[in-house]
Structure formats: structure tokens, C-alpha cells
Amino acid sequence: MVCKYWNVLALDGSSWQKINLFDFQRDIEGPVIENISQRCGGFLKFLSLRGCQSVVDKSIRTLAFHCPNIENLDLSECKKITDISTQSISKNCSRLAAINLQSCSNITDDSLKYISDGCPNLLEINISWCSLISENGVEALARGCKKLRKFCSKGCKQVNDNAISCLAKFCHDLMVLNLHSCESVTDASIRQIAANCHKLQKLCVSKCAELTDLSLMALSQNTPLLNTLEASGCRNFTDIGFQALGKNCKYLERMDLEECNQITDLTLAHLATGCPSLEKLTLSHCELITDDGIRQLAAGSCAAESLSVLELDNCPLITDRTLEHLVSCHNLQRIELFDCQMISRAAIRKLKNHLPNIKVHAYFAPVTPPPVTTGHRPRYCRCCEIL
């Protein structure tokens, strides 16, 4: 009786409103998706097919037809699907709120046009690494999906200022924007985003090398809710921009400033006084940062309660004094110190004595043994010791 009852439950589509097949990605073939679709029907709300590379358009057509109430669909890395799949989704799934098309390399602007026409309630879309998508597709999406809150286009080289300006014009509720490696994006479109999308909370512009302090100043004046800024590789950002940001963006929690190599201790002084909620700060390869900057950060409003992760890889000017200053950061859980050659083991041990739960990621090259020259090829130690 128990087995029979369980079998009835298993075959009841209402029990399968959320399905994640990522763990079985290598085994999932088209017929499996089609059977699931027919069994779940209108009950299915969430389906993740991430990494299911055997799935083809035919299966997605069946899914869209039988599951019109689906709200969240993850097709990332389903490399065989094309615009035919999104056309079927557009025709049948008007309730769709989130779709992930990351690394679906055959998806083009037509897909965004289909979604724009058929999915007016869309809130989130990820088209990262869809290299065929251009400003034309993004413009169509923005015009038809004005409720959009999250837009990710990491690695989309054709997503440019015109595309982002359309998002700024039509999608005023945007809260998350990821433009990582959209290399042609400039201050012009970021300033429009800042001027029109006042709810913006998370922004990634890493590897957008054309951006300058003008973008930071626009954000500081118009996006007070900003809590995450990823700006790795933005080499034109300076202390001037971060001074403005620290002054007005009080809710900043996470900042990635790796390779912003023009910033100095002044940036840390501004963040220390203006960003009391700062939890994670990445300063790797910021080669002008010194012990005094860390001292000001450690004395700031974020240090005692908020700051939990600090990444200082390849900051050549910091010394053991930095670790002495960080003793007052009682919530600090992890610090990265790779290639900080003026940091000693003794200073790390001392920091751990004061903060016993902290994880320190660093390495010290062991002493290279003398070459062996008798009867063998010379051998040298090339390993590093990780603490």
C-alpha cells in the first residue's frame, strides 16, 4: 500500500512544481524532458536544465506547450538550442519571469525579440556569453519587458552604449546590471543608467576599461541604494570617483576594485568614513595602497562590525603593520595576502592569536635547495607553501 501510494504521488504532476536536473545533466536526453513536461503540465513553475547539452529545440517546444505556467527557466549551457526554442517559449509561456540563456551560443537577437513579444512580465534575464546578441536584440527586449529588474550580459562584446541606453530608457526598475567584459561600454550609458534607474543595487562593470570617474560620480548622485560594485580592471577610476561614491552610497556592502591601479590610500579613507556596511573589499593589484590606508580602513565605521573579507593580493607596499591595524576588525573572517612579499609569518601568527577564527590565504616560497650536480640533472624547488 505504501509503495502504491508513493507511486501515485510520484505520478501526480502537482507534486513537481520545481525541478532541478543539473546533477543529472549528462544523462538528460530530449525524451526525458518531454516526459516530464507532459507529466507536470501546468503545475511546473521552475525548471533548471543547466548544463544539459543534449537538449534540443524539439524538447523545449514540447516543454513550452505543456507547461504554460512556467515562471523560472534555466537553459544555461544548453548549447544545442536555438531561437526556435525561445520562439516556442514566447508563444506559450506568458507568465515567464526569469530565463537564463547563459552560454547558449546559437541564441541571436531574434530570441530577445520573441521574448519581448510574448513575455511582458519578465523580471530577469541572463544572456552572458551569447556572442551573437547585439544592441538590436537588447533594444527590443527593453521595449517589451519594461518590468525588467535583472539584466546580465557578461562577455557580450556587441552589447554597447546604445543597448544599455535602451535599458536605461525603458527599464526604470532595474536593480541588478552585469556588464562584465562589455568592452565598448562608456561613461555615456552608465550615466544614463544612473539617471534613470534609481533602484539600482548591484552593478558589475569589471573589464569595462573605457569607464572613468564620470561614471562613479553619476552613480553617487543618483543610485543611493547601491550595495555592490564590481569594477575589476577599471584602470581609469581614481580617488576622485570613489570619494564621491563613499560620500553618497551609504549602503555599499561589497566592492571589487582589483586592478584599479590608480587608487591610493585616499580611497580607503573615503570608504572608511562613508560606508559603514562594507563587508567585502577586494584591493588586489592596487599597487599604491599602503599600511596607512589599511590603518584608516581599520579605524573606520565598517571595521568593527561589518568587514569580513579583505583581499590584498599583490599589494607590494603593505607590511606587517597592516596586520597590526586589522586586529581591531573583530568580524574579519578571511584575508588574502598572496604575493605580499613584505608580510611575515610572525605577523600572520600574531593576527591569528587575536582573531582565532580568521582564515589567512598567503604563501611563502620555501628556501630553494642547492642544485644537485652529481650524476643527475639540476633540480630546483618550485613549489609554494600555502598557509
Protein backbone atom coordinates (compact mmCIF):
# COMPACT_ATOMS: atom_id res chain seq x y z
CA MET A 1 0.00 0.00 0.00
CA VAL A 2 2.82 2.38 0.86
CA CYS A 3 4.55 1.71 -2.45
CA LYS A 4 1.30 2.16 -4.35
CA TYR A 5 0.60 5.45 -2.59
CA TRP A 6 4.12 6.69 -3.27
CA ASN A 7 3.75 5.74 -6.92
CA VAL A 8 0.54 7.78 -7.14
CA LEU A 9 2.31 10.77 -5.61
CA ALA A 10 5.26 10.40 -7.94
CA LEU A 11 2.99 10.44 -10.97
CA ASP A 12 0.98 13.39 -9.72
CA GLY A 13 2.11 16.46 -11.64
CA SER A 14 1.06 18.77 -8.81
CA SER A 15 3.93 17.35 -6.72
CA TRP A 16 6.52 18.54 -9.22
CA GLN A 17 6.32 22.31 -9.32
CA LYS A 18 10.10 22.77 -9.07
CA ILE A 19 12.63 20.54 -10.84
CA ASN A 20 16.41 20.92 -10.97
CA LEU A 21 18.18 18.44 -13.25
CA PHE A 22 21.69 19.89 -13.02
CA ASP A 23 23.04 16.89 -11.09
CA PHE A 24 21.87 14.61 -13.90
CA GLN A 25 22.94 16.82 -16.81
CA ARG A 26 24.97 14.16 -18.57
CA ASP A 27 22.08 11.71 -18.53
CA ILE A 28 19.27 14.02 -19.64
CA GLU A 29 18.12 13.40 -23.20
CA GLY A 30 15.27 15.03 -25.06
CA PRO A 31 12.65 12.33 -24.32
CA VAL A 32 13.20 12.78 -20.58
CA ILE A 33 12.32 16.47 -20.82
CA GLU A 34 9.30 15.70 -22.96
CA ASN A 35 8.00 13.10 -20.49
CA ILE A 36 8.50 15.46 -17.56
CA SER A 37 6.70 18.22 -19.43
CA GLN A 38 3.70 16.07 -20.21
CA ARG A 39 3.54 14.71 -16.67
CA CYS A 40 3.84 18.06 -14.87
CA GLY A 41 1.83 20.15 -17.29
CA GLY A 42 0.53 23.41 -15.93
CA PHE A 43 1.85 22.69 -12.42
CA LEU A 44 5.51 23.20 -13.31
CA LYS A 45 6.78 26.63 -12.21
CA PHE A 46 10.57 26.19 -12.03
CA LEU A 47 12.84 24.08 -14.23
CA SER A 48 16.63 24.05 -14.38
CA LEU A 49 18.25 22.29 -17.33
CA ARG A 50 21.61 23.93 -16.71
CA GLY A 51 24.36 22.06 -18.48
CA CYS A 52 22.03 19.58 -20.21
CA GLN A 53 23.86 19.79 -23.51
CA SER A 54 21.85 17.06 -25.22
CA VAL A 55 18.61 19.04 -25.01
CA VAL A 56 17.44 20.31 -28.40
CA ASP A 57 14.72 22.61 -29.71
CA LYS A 58 12.15 19.83 -30.05
CA SER A 59 12.22 19.15 -26.31
CA ILE A 60 11.86 22.84 -25.44
CA ARG A 61 8.91 23.15 -27.83
CA THR A 62 7.20 20.29 -26.02
CA LEU A 63 8.03 21.86 -22.67
CA ALA A 64 6.63 25.24 -23.66
CA PHE A 65 3.43 23.71 -25.00
CA HIS A 66 2.67 21.52 -21.97
CA CYS A 67 3.94 23.88 -19.24
CA PRO A 68 2.43 27.29 -19.99
CA ASN A 69 2.65 28.41 -16.35
CA ILE A 70 6.40 28.11 -16.02
CA GLU A 71 7.89 31.17 -14.33
CA ASN A 72 11.60 30.41 -13.99
CA LEU A 73 13.54 28.56 -16.71
CA ASP A 74 17.28 27.91 -16.65
CA LEU A 75 18.67 26.82 -20.02
CA SER A 76 22.26 27.90 -19.41
CA GLU A 77 24.86 25.86 -21.28
CA CYS A 78 22.21 24.09 -23.33
CA LYS A 79 24.39 24.63 -26.36
CA LYS A 80 22.17 22.94 -28.94
CA ILE A 81 19.11 25.12 -28.54
CA THR A 82 18.44 27.95 -30.97
CA ASP A 83 15.99 30.79 -31.47
CA ILE A 84 13.36 28.15 -32.24
CA SER A 85 13.22 27.32 -28.53
CA THR A 86 12.69 30.90 -27.42
CA GLN A 87 10.06 31.36 -30.09
CA SER A 88 8.09 28.47 -28.59
CA ILE A 89 8.55 29.86 -25.09
CA SER A 90 7.31 33.24 -26.26
CA LYS A 91 4.17 31.77 -27.81
CA ASN A 92 3.18 29.65 -24.83
CA CYS A 93 4.74 30.94 -21.59
CA SER A 94 3.41 34.43 -20.99
CA ARG A 95 3.97 34.12 -17.22
CA LEU A 96 7.71 33.69 -17.57
CA ALA A 97 9.51 35.87 -15.02
CA ALA A 98 13.12 34.66 -15.30
CA ILE A 99 15.14 32.99 -18.04
CA ASN A 100 18.81 32.05 -18.10
CA LEU A 101 20.37 31.63 -21.54
CA GLN A 102 23.99 31.91 -20.46
CA SER A 103 26.43 30.28 -22.90
CA CYS A 104 23.69 29.32 -25.36
CA SER A 105 25.94 30.16 -28.27
CA ASN A 106 23.31 29.82 -31.01
CA ILE A 107 20.94 32.36 -29.50
CA THR A 108 20.65 35.60 -31.51
CA ASP A 109 18.80 38.90 -31.39
CA ASP A 110 15.70 37.09 -32.63
CA SER A 111 15.39 35.34 -29.27
CA LEU A 112 15.21 38.64 -27.42
CA LYS A 113 12.64 39.90 -29.89
CA TYR A 114 10.49 36.79 -29.32
CA ILE A 115 10.76 37.14 -25.55
CA SER A 116 9.90 40.82 -25.81
CA ASP A 117 6.73 39.99 -27.74
CA GLY A 118 5.48 37.12 -25.61
CA CYS A 119 6.81 37.57 -22.07
CA PRO A 120 5.82 41.06 -20.85
CA ASN A 121 6.18 40.02 -17.18
CA LEU A 122 9.84 39.11 -17.48
CA LEU A 123 11.88 40.29 -14.48
CA GLU A 124 15.26 38.61 -15.00
CA ILE A 125 17.33 37.56 -18.00
CA ASN A 126 20.88 36.27 -18.35
CA ILE A 127 22.42 36.30 -21.84
CA SER A 128 26.05 36.10 -20.72
CA TRP A 129 28.45 34.79 -23.36
CA CYS A 130 25.77 34.84 -26.06
CA SER A 131 28.14 36.41 -28.55
CA LEU A 132 25.59 36.81 -31.35
CA ILE A 133 23.39 39.20 -29.40
CA SER A 134 23.75 42.88 -30.24
CA GLU A 135 22.18 46.22 -29.42
CA ASN A 136 19.21 45.37 -31.68
CA GLY A 137 18.12 42.47 -29.51
CA VAL A 138 18.61 44.35 -26.26
CA GLU A 139 16.61 47.31 -27.58
CA ALA A 140 13.70 45.01 -28.48
CA LEU A 141 13.87 43.37 -25.06
CA ALA A 142 13.88 46.71 -23.25
CA ARG A 143 10.87 47.98 -25.18
CA GLY A 144 8.78 44.88 -24.49
CA CYS A 145 9.91 43.90 -20.98
CA LYS A 146 9.73 47.15 -19.07
CA LYS A 147 9.42 45.39 -15.70
CA LEU A 148 12.95 44.01 -16.02
CA ARG A 149 14.88 44.04 -12.73
CA LYS A 150 17.95 41.99 -13.57
CA PHE A 151 19.98 42.04 -16.78
CA CYS A 152 23.22 40.07 -17.19
CA SER A 153 25.25 40.23 -20.40
CA LYS A 154 28.70 39.16 -19.24
CA GLY A 155 31.09 38.72 -22.15
CA CYS A 156 28.69 40.05 -24.79
CA LYS A 157 31.07 42.10 -26.90
CA GLN A 158 28.29 43.56 -29.05
CA VAL A 159 26.35 44.96 -26.10
CA ASN A 160 27.31 48.61 -26.32
CA ASP A 161 26.23 52.07 -25.21
CA ASN A 162 23.15 52.02 -27.44
CA ALA A 163 21.98 48.76 -25.86
CA ILE A 164 22.49 49.96 -22.29
CA SER A 165 20.89 53.31 -23.05
CA CYS A 166 17.74 51.48 -24.16
CA LEU A 167 17.65 49.63 -20.84
CA ALA A 168 18.01 52.95 -19.06
CA LYS A 169 15.21 54.48 -21.11
CA PHE A 170 12.60 51.75 -20.71
CA CYS A 171 13.53 49.63 -17.65
CA HIS A 172 13.42 52.02 -14.72
CA ASP A 173 13.00 49.23 -12.15
CA LEU A 174 16.41 47.73 -12.94
CA MET A 175 18.11 46.56 -9.73
CA VAL A 176 20.93 44.30 -10.99
CA LEU A 177 23.10 45.04 -14.03
CA ASN A 178 26.08 42.89 -15.03
CA LEU A 179 28.18 44.24 -17.91
CA HIS A 180 31.37 42.30 -17.18
CA SER A 181 33.66 42.44 -20.24
CA CYS A 182 31.25 44.53 -22.33
CA GLU A 183 34.31 46.37 -23.51
CA SER A 184 32.69 49.09 -25.62
CA VAL A 185 30.50 50.45 -22.82
CA THR A 186 31.45 54.01 -21.86
CA ASP A 187 30.50 56.67 -19.35
CA ALA A 188 27.65 57.81 -21.60
CA SER A 189 25.44 54.77 -20.97
CA ILE A 190 26.38 54.32 -17.31
CA ARG A 191 25.39 57.93 -16.68
CA GLN A 192 22.02 57.22 -18.29
CA ILE A 193 21.56 54.13 -16.13
CA ALA A 194 22.32 56.21 -13.06
CA ALA A 195 19.95 58.97 -14.12
CA ASN A 196 17.00 56.66 -14.82
CA CYS A 197 17.42 53.53 -12.68
CA HIS A 198 17.36 54.85 -9.13
CA LYS A 199 16.61 51.40 -7.67
CA LEU A 200 19.94 50.00 -8.85
CA GLN A 201 21.56 47.86 -6.14
CA LYS A 202 24.18 45.71 -7.85
CA LEU A 203 26.41 46.80 -10.71
CA CYS A 204 29.25 44.90 -12.36
CA VAL A 205 31.40 46.83 -14.81
CA SER A 206 34.55 44.74 -14.46
CA LYS A 207 36.74 44.86 -17.57
CA CYS A 208 34.81 47.85 -18.94
CA ALA A 209 38.08 49.64 -19.44
CA GLU A 210 36.66 52.79 -21.07
CA LEU A 211 34.86 53.93 -17.92
CA THR A 212 36.14 56.89 -15.91
CA ASP A 213 35.31 58.73 -12.71
CA LEU A 214 32.36 60.31 -14.52
CA SER A 215 30.51 57.00 -14.13
CA LEU A 216 31.27 56.79 -10.42
CA MET A 217 30.16 60.36 -9.83
CA ALA A 218 26.89 59.77 -11.69
CA LEU A 219 26.24 56.66 -9.61
CA SER A 220 27.00 58.52 -6.41
CA GLN A 221 24.47 61.22 -7.24
CA ASN A 222 21.60 59.01 -8.41
CA THR A 223 21.80 55.45 -7.00
CA PRO A 224 21.72 55.73 -3.20
CA LEU A 225 20.66 52.07 -2.80
CA LEU A 226 23.79 50.70 -4.48
CA ASN A 227 25.21 47.89 -2.31
CA THR A 228 27.52 46.03 -4.70
CA LEU A 229 30.05 47.44 -7.14
CA GLU A 230 32.37 45.18 -9.12
CA ALA A 231 34.90 47.26 -11.02
CA SER A 232 37.85 44.94 -11.52
CA GLY A 233 40.13 46.16 -14.27
CA CYS A 234 38.64 49.66 -14.49
CA ARG A 235 42.03 51.31 -14.61
CA ASN A 236 40.70 54.83 -15.20
CA PHE A 237 38.91 55.00 -11.85
CA THR A 238 40.70 57.21 -9.32
CA ASP A 239 40.33 58.50 -5.79
CA ILE A 240 38.10 61.30 -7.08
CA GLY A 241 35.38 58.91 -8.19
CA PHE A 242 35.49 56.81 -5.05
CA GLN A 243 35.41 59.91 -2.88
CA ALA A 244 32.04 60.75 -4.42
CA LEU A 245 30.83 57.17 -4.09
CA GLY A 246 31.86 56.90 -0.46
CA LYS A 247 30.14 60.15 0.35
CA ASN A 248 26.70 59.25 -1.02
CA CYS A 249 26.36 55.46 -1.29
CA LYS A 250 25.95 54.56 2.37
CA TYR A 251 24.70 51.03 1.76
CA LEU A 252 27.73 49.66 -0.07
CA GLU A 253 28.49 46.14 1.18
CA ARG A 254 30.71 44.58 -1.48
CA MET A 255 33.33 46.26 -3.64
CA ASP A 256 35.74 44.65 -6.07
CA LEU A 257 38.43 47.16 -7.04
CA GLU A 258 41.03 44.69 -8.28
CA GLU A 259 43.46 46.30 -10.73
CA CYS A 260 42.04 49.78 -10.17
CA ASN A 261 45.68 50.68 -10.01
CA GLN A 262 45.31 54.45 -9.79
CA ILE A 263 43.60 54.43 -6.40
CA THR A 264 45.56 55.31 -3.29
CA ASP A 265 45.01 55.39 0.45
CA LEU A 266 42.60 58.29 -0.10
CA THR A 267 40.02 55.88 -1.49
CA LEU A 268 40.21 53.79 1.68
CA ALA A 269 39.81 56.90 3.79
CA HIS A 270 36.60 57.81 1.94
CA LEU A 271 35.20 54.28 2.20
CA ALA A 272 36.13 54.06 5.87
CA THR A 273 34.11 57.14 6.77
CA GLY A 274 31.25 56.78 4.31
CA CYS A 275 30.42 53.08 4.03
CA PRO A 276 29.61 51.60 7.46
CA SER A 277 28.09 48.42 5.97
CA LEU A 278 31.11 47.39 3.90
CA GLU A 279 31.57 43.62 4.25
CA LYS A 280 33.88 42.56 1.43
CA LEU A 281 36.60 44.66 -0.18
CA THR A 282 38.94 43.49 -2.92
CA LEU A 283 42.06 45.59 -3.45
CA SER A 284 44.25 43.05 -5.24
CA HIS A 285 46.82 44.60 -7.59
CA CYS A 286 46.11 48.09 -6.23
CA GLU A 287 49.80 48.75 -6.00
CA LEU A 288 49.62 52.21 -4.42
CA ILE A 289 47.80 51.05 -1.28
CA THR A 290 49.96 51.26 1.86
CA ASP A 291 49.75 50.41 5.54
CA ASP A 292 48.32 53.84 6.24
CA GLY A 293 45.33 53.18 4.00
CA ILE A 294 44.60 49.96 5.86
CA ARG A 295 45.00 51.85 9.13
CA GLN A 296 42.30 54.30 8.09
CA LEU A 297 40.05 51.48 6.93
CA ALA A 298 40.51 49.62 10.22
CA ALA A 299 39.65 52.77 12.15
CA GLY A 300 36.51 53.39 10.09
CA SER A 301 32.89 52.69 10.83
CA CYS A 302 32.82 49.39 8.92
CA ALA A 303 35.77 47.78 10.64
CA ALA A 304 34.39 46.65 13.99
CA GLU A 305 31.11 45.07 12.87
CA SER A 306 30.86 44.69 9.09
CA LEU A 307 34.17 43.99 7.35
CA SER A 308 34.54 40.22 6.96
CA VAL A 309 36.63 39.70 3.80
CA LEU A 310 39.65 41.71 2.68
CA GLU A 311 41.66 40.75 -0.40
CA LEU A 312 45.11 42.33 -0.71
CA ASP A 313 46.88 40.08 -3.21
CA ASN A 314 49.80 41.73 -4.97
CA CYS A 315 49.78 44.92 -2.91
CA PRO A 316 53.57 45.33 -2.72
CA LEU A 317 53.66 48.26 -0.29
CA ILE A 318 51.81 46.69 2.61
CA THR A 319 53.84 45.30 5.50
CA ASP A 320 53.32 43.65 8.87
CA ARG A 321 51.90 46.94 10.07
CA THR A 322 48.78 46.24 8.02
CA LEU A 323 48.06 43.11 10.04
CA GLU A 324 48.60 45.01 13.26
CA HIS A 325 45.94 47.52 12.19
CA LEU A 326 43.49 44.74 11.30
CA VAL A 327 43.46 43.32 14.83
CA SER A 328 40.59 45.70 15.60
CA CYS A 329 38.42 44.23 12.83
CA HIS A 330 36.67 41.69 15.06
CA ASN A 331 34.38 40.35 12.33
CA LEU A 332 37.17 39.72 9.83
CA GLN A 333 36.88 36.12 8.64
CA ARG A 334 39.20 35.94 5.63
CA ILE A 335 42.16 37.87 4.31
CA GLU A 336 44.06 37.24 1.06
CA LEU A 337 47.76 38.08 1.04
CA PHE A 338 49.22 36.29 -1.98
CA ASP A 339 52.38 37.94 -3.30
CA CYS A 340 52.56 40.42 -0.43
CA GLN A 341 56.28 39.98 -0.01
CA MET A 342 56.68 42.30 2.97
CA ILE A 343 54.28 40.28 5.15
CA SER A 344 55.94 37.84 7.54
CA ARG A 345 54.83 34.56 9.07
CA ALA A 346 55.25 36.04 12.52
CA ALA A 347 52.79 38.82 11.77
CA ILE A 348 50.26 36.31 10.47
CA ARG A 349 50.59 34.21 13.62
CA LYS A 350 50.08 37.30 15.74
CA LEU A 351 46.93 38.22 13.80
CA LYS A 352 45.58 34.71 14.29
CA ASN A 353 46.21 34.94 18.01
CA HIS A 354 43.93 37.97 18.17
CA LEU A 355 41.40 36.67 15.62
CA PRO A 356 41.45 32.87 16.05
CA ASN A 357 38.68 32.22 13.51
CA ILE A 358 40.27 34.14 10.66
CA LYS A 359 41.44 32.33 7.51
CA VAL A 360 44.63 33.77 6.08
CA HIS A 361 45.40 32.84 2.49
CA ALA A 362 49.05 33.53 1.73
CA TYR A 363 52.15 31.74 0.55
CA PHE A 364 55.84 31.85 1.19
CA ALA A 365 58.30 30.36 -1.25
CA PRO A 366 60.43 27.82 0.62
CA VAL A 367 64.18 28.10 0.53
CA THR A 368 65.43 26.74 -2.75
CA PRO A 369 67.78 23.81 -2.13
CA PRO A 370 71.21 23.89 -3.75
CA PRO A 371 71.39 22.28 -7.17
CA VAL A 372 72.32 18.61 -7.33
CA THR A 373 75.16 18.25 -9.81
CA THR A 374 76.47 14.74 -9.22
CA GLY A 375 75.08 12.30 -11.71
CA HIS A 376 71.69 13.90 -12.16
CA ARG A 377 70.14 16.90 -13.86
CA PRO A 378 69.97 20.01 -11.59
CA ARG A 379 66.69 20.13 -9.70
CA TYR A 380 65.13 23.15 -8.03
CA CYS A 381 62.15 23.52 -5.76
CA ARG A 382 59.39 25.49 -7.49
CA CYS A 383 56.58 24.96 -5.03
CA CYS A 384 54.88 27.44 -2.74
CA GLU A 385 53.69 26.90 0.77
CA ILE A 386 50.07 27.82 1.44
CA LEU A 387 49.09 28.72 4.99
